[in-house]
Amino acid sequence: MRGVARCWGGRGGRVKMAASAQGPSAPLSAEQAKVVLAEVIKAFGAPENAQRMDEARDNACNDMGKMLQFLLPVATQIQQDVIKAYGFSSDGEGVLKFARLIKSYESQDPEIASMSGKLKAMFLPPMTLPPHGAGTGGVATS
């Protein structure tokens, strides 16, 4: 019941959840964030986690709604298991805080941007944009 109150308890519940998810006392530096990000990526490659992700993908059947239902919780859990050792809360809010931190470093550090893209590709399906505008793929025609 405590988790439900924290997630759905209205504005007061959100404030409590945010306070409990403050994470490290000082934000991680870019270099520290890189180390944690590398550990998260490595965790996805661990045989037991790779198997969990494969099973979740199979259950999702390339359906975006089912991806959210099956794949995202597994991916979140794998990340939680790593980042909690670095002071992030071991709940979804901790993962979101970690993601925001990584996002803040992406524009400053190409290696972090690359690693972040690699991590996202592990659990987010590739996005295909529908053809828009000129249907020539950017090739000029006359």
C-alpha atoms as a PDB file:
ATOM      1  CA  MET A   1       0.000   0.000   0.000  1.00  0.00           C
ATOM      2  CA  ARG A   2       2.891   2.339   0.688  1.00  0.00           C
ATOM      3  CA  GLY A   3       4.024   2.179  -2.952  1.00  0.00           C
ATOM      4  CA  VAL A   4       0.514   2.907  -4.160  1.00  0.00           C
ATOM      5  CA  ALA A   5       0.247   5.931  -1.875  1.00  0.00           C
ATOM      6  CA  ARG A   6       3.592   7.207  -3.136  1.00  0.00           C
ATOM      7  CA  CYS A   7       2.700   6.778  -6.803  1.00  0.00           C
ATOM      8  CA  TRP A   8      -0.960   7.750  -6.816  1.00  0.00           C
ATOM      9  CA  GLY A   9      -1.320   9.782  -3.640  1.00  0.00           C
ATOM     10  CA  GLY A  10      -1.972  13.021  -5.442  1.00  0.00           C
ATOM     11  CA  ARG A  11       0.228  16.053  -5.102  1.00  0.00           C
ATOM     12  CA  GLY A  12       1.325  15.223  -1.544  1.00  0.00           C
ATOM     13  CA  GLY A  13       2.355  11.712  -2.581  1.00  0.00           C
ATOM     14  CA  ARG A  14       4.391  13.066  -5.464  1.00  0.00           C
ATOM     15  CA  VAL A  15       6.215  15.482  -3.203  1.00  0.00           C
ATOM     16  CA  LYS A  16       7.130  12.637  -0.846  1.00  0.00           C
ATOM     17  CA  MET A  17       8.232  10.477  -3.763  1.00  0.00           C
ATOM     18  CA  ALA A  18      10.393  13.254  -5.197  1.00  0.00           C
ATOM     19  CA  ALA A  19      11.961  13.894  -1.807  1.00  0.00           C
ATOM     20  CA  SER A  20      12.818  10.219  -1.411  1.00  0.00           C
ATOM     21  CA  ALA A  21      14.344  10.133  -4.899  1.00  0.00           C
ATOM     22  CA  GLN A  22      16.833  12.931  -4.470  1.00  0.00           C
ATOM     23  CA  GLY A  23      19.576  10.481  -5.321  1.00  0.00           C
ATOM     24  CA  PRO A  24      23.228  11.239  -4.660  1.00  0.00           C
ATOM     25  CA  SER A  25      23.966  14.108  -2.291  1.00  0.00           C
ATOM     26  CA  ALA A  26      25.904  15.758  -5.115  1.00  0.00           C
ATOM     27  CA  PRO A  27      25.112  15.059  -8.773  1.00  0.00           C
ATOM     28  CA  LEU A  28      27.477  12.705 -10.526  1.00  0.00           C
ATOM     29  CA  SER A  29      30.155  14.307 -12.659  1.00  0.00           C
ATOM     30  CA  ALA A  30      30.207  13.478 -16.365  1.00  0.00           C
ATOM     31  CA  GLU A  31      33.006  10.977 -15.763  1.00  0.00           C
ATOM     32  CA  GLN A  32      31.116   9.310 -12.911  1.00  0.00           C
ATOM     33  CA  ALA A  33      27.938   9.238 -14.998  1.00  0.00           C
ATOM     34  CA  LYS A  34      29.903   7.545 -17.766  1.00  0.00           C
ATOM     35  CA  VAL A  35      31.045   4.822 -15.362  1.00  0.00           C
ATOM     36  CA  VAL A  36      27.493   4.195 -14.126  1.00  0.00           C
ATOM     37  CA  LEU A  37      26.139   4.209 -17.675  1.00  0.00           C
ATOM     38  CA  ALA A  38      28.767   1.639 -18.695  1.00  0.00           C
ATOM     39  CA  GLU A  39      27.732  -0.555 -15.751  1.00  0.00           C
ATOM     40  CA  VAL A  40      24.065  -0.294 -16.721  1.00  0.00           C
ATOM     41  CA  ILE A  41      24.865  -1.291 -20.315  1.00  0.00           C
ATOM     42  CA  LYS A  42      26.984  -4.179 -19.032  1.00  0.00           C
ATOM     43  CA  ALA A  43      24.089  -5.298 -16.792  1.00  0.00           C
ATOM     44  CA  PHE A  44      21.807  -5.582 -19.838  1.00  0.00           C
ATOM     45  CA  GLY A  45      24.388  -7.926 -21.370  1.00  0.00           C
ATOM     46  CA  ALA A  46      24.467 -10.265 -18.364  1.00  0.00           C
ATOM     47  CA  PRO A  47      23.013 -13.637 -19.436  1.00  0.00           C
ATOM     48  CA  GLU A  48      20.141 -13.616 -16.936  1.00  0.00           C
ATOM     49  CA  ASN A  49      19.135 -10.066 -17.856  1.00  0.00           C
ATOM     50  CA  ALA A  50      19.477 -10.702 -21.587  1.00  0.00           C
ATOM     51  CA  GLN A  51      17.165 -13.686 -21.163  1.00  0.00           C
ATOM     52  CA  ARG A  52      14.633 -11.589 -19.217  1.00  0.00           C
ATOM     53  CA  MET A  53      14.699  -8.927 -21.941  1.00  0.00           C
ATOM     54  CA  ASP A  54      14.300 -11.531 -24.712  1.00  0.00           C
ATOM     55  CA  GLU A  55      11.298 -13.047 -22.940  1.00  0.00           C
ATOM     56  CA  ALA A  56       9.759  -9.604 -22.489  1.00  0.00           C
ATOM     57  CA  ARG A  57      10.352  -8.796 -26.196  1.00  0.00           C
ATOM     58  CA  ASP A  58       8.738 -12.096 -27.199  1.00  0.00           C
ATOM     59  CA  ASN A  59       5.707 -11.296 -25.031  1.00  0.00           C
ATOM     60  CA  ALA A  60       5.455  -7.801 -26.526  1.00  0.00           C
ATOM     61  CA  CYS A  61       5.272  -9.056 -30.145  1.00  0.00           C
ATOM     62  CA  ASN A  62       6.445  -5.665 -31.503  1.00  0.00           C
ATOM     63  CA  ASP A  63       3.296  -4.023 -30.106  1.00  0.00           C
ATOM     64  CA  MET A  64       4.120  -0.640 -28.560  1.00  0.00           C
ATOM     65  CA  GLY A  65       1.497  -1.000 -25.824  1.00  0.00           C
ATOM     66  CA  LYS A  66       2.808  -4.430 -24.910  1.00  0.00           C
ATOM     67  CA  MET A  67       6.375  -3.079 -24.983  1.00  0.00           C
ATOM     68  CA  LEU A  68       5.355  -0.675 -22.235  1.00  0.00           C
ATOM     69  CA  GLN A  69       3.630  -3.481 -20.357  1.00  0.00           C
ATOM     70  CA  PHE A  70       6.333  -6.154 -20.588  1.00  0.00           C
ATOM     71  CA  LEU A  71       9.680  -4.714 -21.686  1.00  0.00           C
ATOM     72  CA  LEU A  72       9.868  -1.378 -19.899  1.00  0.00           C
ATOM     73  CA  PRO A  73       9.406  -2.800 -16.371  1.00  0.00           C
ATOM     74  CA  VAL A  74      12.219  -5.320 -16.948  1.00  0.00           C
ATOM     75  CA  ALA A  75      14.510  -2.616 -18.348  1.00  0.00           C
ATOM     76  CA  THR A  76      13.674  -0.359 -15.413  1.00  0.00           C
ATOM     77  CA  GLN A  77      14.458  -3.113 -12.898  1.00  0.00           C
ATOM     78  CA  ILE A  78      17.822  -3.860 -14.506  1.00  0.00           C
ATOM     79  CA  GLN A  79      18.768  -0.172 -14.327  1.00  0.00           C
ATOM     80  CA  GLN A  80      17.524   0.130 -10.733  1.00  0.00           C
ATOM     81  CA  ASP A  81      19.716  -2.757  -9.656  1.00  0.00           C
ATOM     82  CA  VAL A  82      22.806  -0.873 -10.864  1.00  0.00           C
ATOM     83  CA  ILE A  83      22.072   2.755 -10.045  1.00  0.00           C
ATOM     84  CA  LYS A  84      20.959   2.177  -6.455  1.00  0.00           C
ATOM     85  CA  ALA A  85      24.627   1.575  -5.595  1.00  0.00           C
ATOM     86  CA  TYR A  86      25.295   5.165  -6.684  1.00  0.00           C
ATOM     87  CA  GLY A  87      22.734   6.794  -4.406  1.00  0.00           C
ATOM     88  CA  PHE A  88      19.721   6.800  -6.693  1.00  0.00           C
ATOM     89  CA  SER A  89      16.477   5.534  -5.213  1.00  0.00           C
ATOM     90  CA  SER A  90      15.614   1.967  -6.197  1.00  0.00           C
ATOM     91  CA  ASP A  91      12.307   2.840  -7.814  1.00  0.00           C
ATOM     92  CA  GLY A  92      11.098   4.226 -11.119  1.00  0.00           C
ATOM     93  CA  GLU A  93      11.781   7.770  -9.967  1.00  0.00           C
ATOM     94  CA  GLY A  94      15.452   6.897  -9.434  1.00  0.00           C
ATOM     95  CA  VAL A  95      15.667   5.635 -13.020  1.00  0.00           C
ATOM     96  CA  LEU A  96      14.009   8.820 -14.291  1.00  0.00           C
ATOM     97  CA  LYS A  97      16.433  10.962 -12.289  1.00  0.00           C
ATOM     98  CA  PHE A  98      19.360   8.979 -13.705  1.00  0.00           C
ATOM     99  CA  ALA A  99      17.967   9.361 -17.240  1.00  0.00           C
ATOM    100  CA  ARG A 100      17.612  13.136 -16.776  1.00  0.00           C
ATOM    101  CA  LEU A 101      21.198  13.343 -15.509  1.00  0.00           C
ATOM    102  CA  ILE A 102      22.499  11.396 -18.508  1.00  0.00           C
ATOM    103  CA  LYS A 103      20.415  13.558 -20.860  1.00  0.00           C
ATOM    104  CA  SER A 104      21.964  16.682 -19.328  1.00  0.00           C
ATOM    105  CA  TYR A 105      25.459  15.409 -20.243  1.00  0.00           C
ATOM    106  CA  GLU A 106      24.627  14.170 -23.768  1.00  0.00           C
ATOM    107  CA  SER A 107      25.219  17.532 -25.443  1.00  0.00           C
ATOM    108  CA  GLN A 108      28.505  18.057 -23.554  1.00  0.00           C
ATOM    109  CA  ASP A 109      30.045  14.631 -24.019  1.00  0.00           C
ATOM    110  CA  PRO A 110      29.780  12.682 -27.291  1.00  0.00           C
ATOM    111  CA  GLU A 111      30.768   9.451 -25.544  1.00  0.00           C
ATOM    112  CA  ILE A 112      27.872   9.780 -23.097  1.00  0.00           C
ATOM    113  CA  ALA A 113      25.540  10.579 -26.014  1.00  0.00           C
ATOM    114  CA  SER A 114      26.702   7.442 -27.810  1.00  0.00           C
ATOM    115  CA  MET A 115      26.392   5.261 -24.717  1.00  0.00           C
ATOM    116  CA  SER A 116      22.945   6.689 -23.997  1.00  0.00           C
ATOM    117  CA  GLY A 117      21.826   5.851 -27.530  1.00  0.00           C
ATOM    118  CA  LYS A 118      23.152   2.331 -27.108  1.00  0.00           C
ATOM    119  CA  LEU A 119      21.266   1.912 -23.824  1.00  0.00           C
ATOM    120  CA  LYS A 120      17.996   3.216 -25.287  1.00  0.00           C
ATOM    121  CA  ALA A 121      18.337   0.873 -28.263  1.00  0.00           C
ATOM    122  CA  MET A 122      18.399  -2.053 -25.832  1.00  0.00           C
ATOM    123  CA  PHE A 123      14.837  -1.516 -24.727  1.00  0.00           C
ATOM    124  CA  LEU A 124      13.159   1.023 -27.017  1.00  0.00           C
ATOM    125  CA  PRO A 125      12.023  -0.128 -30.444  1.00  0.00           C
ATOM    126  CA  PRO A 126      13.504   1.760 -33.381  1.00  0.00           C
ATOM    127  CA  MET A 127      11.307   4.660 -34.339  1.00  0.00           C
ATOM    128  CA  THR A 128      10.372   4.832 -37.982  1.00  0.00           C
ATOM    129  CA  LEU A 129       8.963   8.126 -39.103  1.00  0.00           C
ATOM    130  CA  PRO A 130       6.207   8.045 -41.673  1.00  0.00           C
ATOM    131  CA  PRO A 131       7.102   9.633 -44.997  1.00  0.00           C
ATOM    132  CA  HIS A 132       6.390  13.323 -44.862  1.00  0.00           C
ATOM    133  CA  GLY A 133       6.625  16.101 -47.400  1.00  0.00           C
ATOM    134  CA  ALA A 134       8.507  15.200 -50.536  1.00  0.00           C
ATOM    135  CA  GLY A 135       8.425  11.458 -50.960  1.00  0.00           C
ATOM    136  CA  THR A 136      11.810  11.390 -52.640  1.00  0.00           C
ATOM    137  CA  GLY A 137      13.838  10.896 -49.478  1.00  0.00           C
ATOM    138  CA  GLY A 138      15.475  14.287 -49.808  1.00  0.00           C
ATOM    139  CA  VAL A 139      16.600  13.718 -53.406  1.00  0.00           C
ATOM    140  CA  ALA A 140      15.812  16.596 -55.712  1.00  0.00           C
ATOM    141  CA  THR A 141      13.847  15.713 -58.798  1.00  0.00           C
ATOM    142  CA  SER A 142      13.248  17.747 -61.907  1.00  0.00           C
END
